[in-house]
Amino acid sequence: MPYLPGKSGSWEPRKLPESQKILPLDEGKRYPVCLTGKRARPPEDCGGVWGYASFLEAIHDPEHPEHEEMLEWIGGSNSR
C-alpha cells in the first residue's frame, strides 16, 4: 500500500483512488515514462510565464493577429 501525505502532515498508508492506480512495470521498458503531455511545458523561447500565456491566447484564437505566425512557429498545430 502506498504512503501518502495525511491530514496531520505525516505520511500515512492509504488506499489510492482508482484514477491513481499503480500500473505494473513492463519488463524491458525504461522508466519513468510520460503518459500524457499536452501543455506539459511551454515551447522554447516563448517569453517565460507571461509570454506563454500570450502564446496560448494567440494559438487558440483564429482572429488573433499573431495566430498564424505562432502556429507556424510550433509546427502548425494548436494541440498545446
Protein backbone atom coordinates (compact mmCIF):
# COMPACT_ATOMS: atom_id res chain seq x y z
CA MET A 1 0.00 0.00 0.00
CA PRO A 2 1.45 3.42 -0.90
CA TYR A 3 2.22 6.08 1.65
CA LEU A 4 0.54 9.42 1.03
CA PRO A 5 0.62 12.67 3.00
CA GLY A 6 -2.01 12.61 5.73
CA LYS A 7 -4.09 15.42 7.18
CA SER A 8 -1.64 15.85 10.04
CA GLY A 9 1.28 16.36 7.65
CA SER A 10 2.73 12.93 8.32
CA TRP A 11 2.90 10.12 5.79
CA GLU A 12 0.22 7.51 6.28
CA PRO A 13 -0.58 4.34 4.36
CA ARG A 14 -3.76 4.96 2.37
CA LYS A 15 -5.58 3.32 -0.49
CA LEU A 16 -5.22 5.18 -3.79
CA PRO A 17 -8.36 6.23 -5.67
CA GLU A 18 -9.00 4.08 -8.76
CA SER A 19 -7.97 7.00 -11.00
CA GLN A 20 -4.49 6.91 -9.41
CA LYS A 21 -3.82 3.19 -9.54
CA ILE A 22 -0.25 1.94 -9.76
CA LEU A 23 0.39 0.14 -13.03
CA PRO A 24 2.60 -2.96 -13.23
CA LEU A 25 6.09 -2.49 -14.69
CA ASP A 26 6.73 -3.71 -18.23
CA GLU A 27 9.89 -5.77 -18.45
CA GLY A 28 12.46 -4.19 -20.74
CA LYS A 29 10.86 -0.73 -20.66
CA ARG A 30 12.85 2.25 -19.41
CA TYR A 31 11.22 4.33 -16.69
CA PRO A 32 9.97 6.96 -15.98
CA VAL A 33 7.55 7.19 -18.91
CA CYS A 34 5.48 10.23 -19.80
CA LEU A 35 1.85 9.08 -20.04
CA THR A 36 0.36 12.38 -21.15
CA GLY A 37 2.00 15.51 -22.37
CA LYS A 38 -0.36 18.12 -23.76
CA ARG A 39 0.76 21.50 -22.48
CA ALA A 40 3.42 19.76 -20.42
CA ARG A 41 5.78 22.64 -20.96
CA PRO A 42 5.97 25.87 -22.92
CA PRO A 43 7.89 25.91 -26.20
CA GLU A 44 11.46 27.14 -26.05
CA ASP A 45 11.97 30.92 -26.14
CA CYS A 46 8.29 31.79 -25.68
CA GLY A 47 9.00 34.58 -23.19
CA GLY A 48 8.53 32.95 -19.82
CA VAL A 49 5.22 32.70 -17.97
CA TRP A 50 3.72 35.86 -19.48
CA GLY A 51 4.91 35.02 -22.98
CA TYR A 52 3.45 31.54 -22.68
CA ALA A 53 0.06 32.96 -21.67
CA SER A 54 0.14 35.27 -24.71
CA PHE A 55 1.25 32.38 -26.92
CA LEU A 56 -1.68 30.20 -25.77
CA GLU A 57 -4.10 33.05 -26.37
CA ALA A 58 -2.76 33.52 -29.91
CA ILE A 59 -2.86 29.86 -30.96
CA HIS A 60 -6.39 29.32 -29.63
CA ASP A 61 -7.91 32.44 -31.23
CA PRO A 62 -8.02 32.36 -35.05
CA GLU A 63 -8.75 36.11 -35.05
CA HIS A 64 -5.62 36.94 -33.03
CA PRO A 65 -3.11 38.97 -35.09
CA GLU A 66 -0.29 36.50 -34.29
CA HIS A 67 -2.35 33.31 -34.67
CA GLU A 68 -0.85 32.11 -37.96
CA GLU A 69 2.68 33.13 -37.02
CA MET A 70 2.53 31.22 -33.71
CA LEU A 71 1.03 28.11 -35.32
CA GLU A 72 3.80 28.13 -37.92
CA TRP A 73 6.39 28.58 -35.16
CA ILE A 74 5.22 25.44 -33.30
CA GLY A 75 4.72 23.34 -36.40
CA GLY A 76 1.11 24.06 -37.38
CA SER A 77 -0.92 22.59 -34.51
CA ASN A 78 -2.76 24.19 -31.63
CA SER A 79 -2.80 20.95 -29.60
CA ARG A 80 -0.98 22.61 -26.67
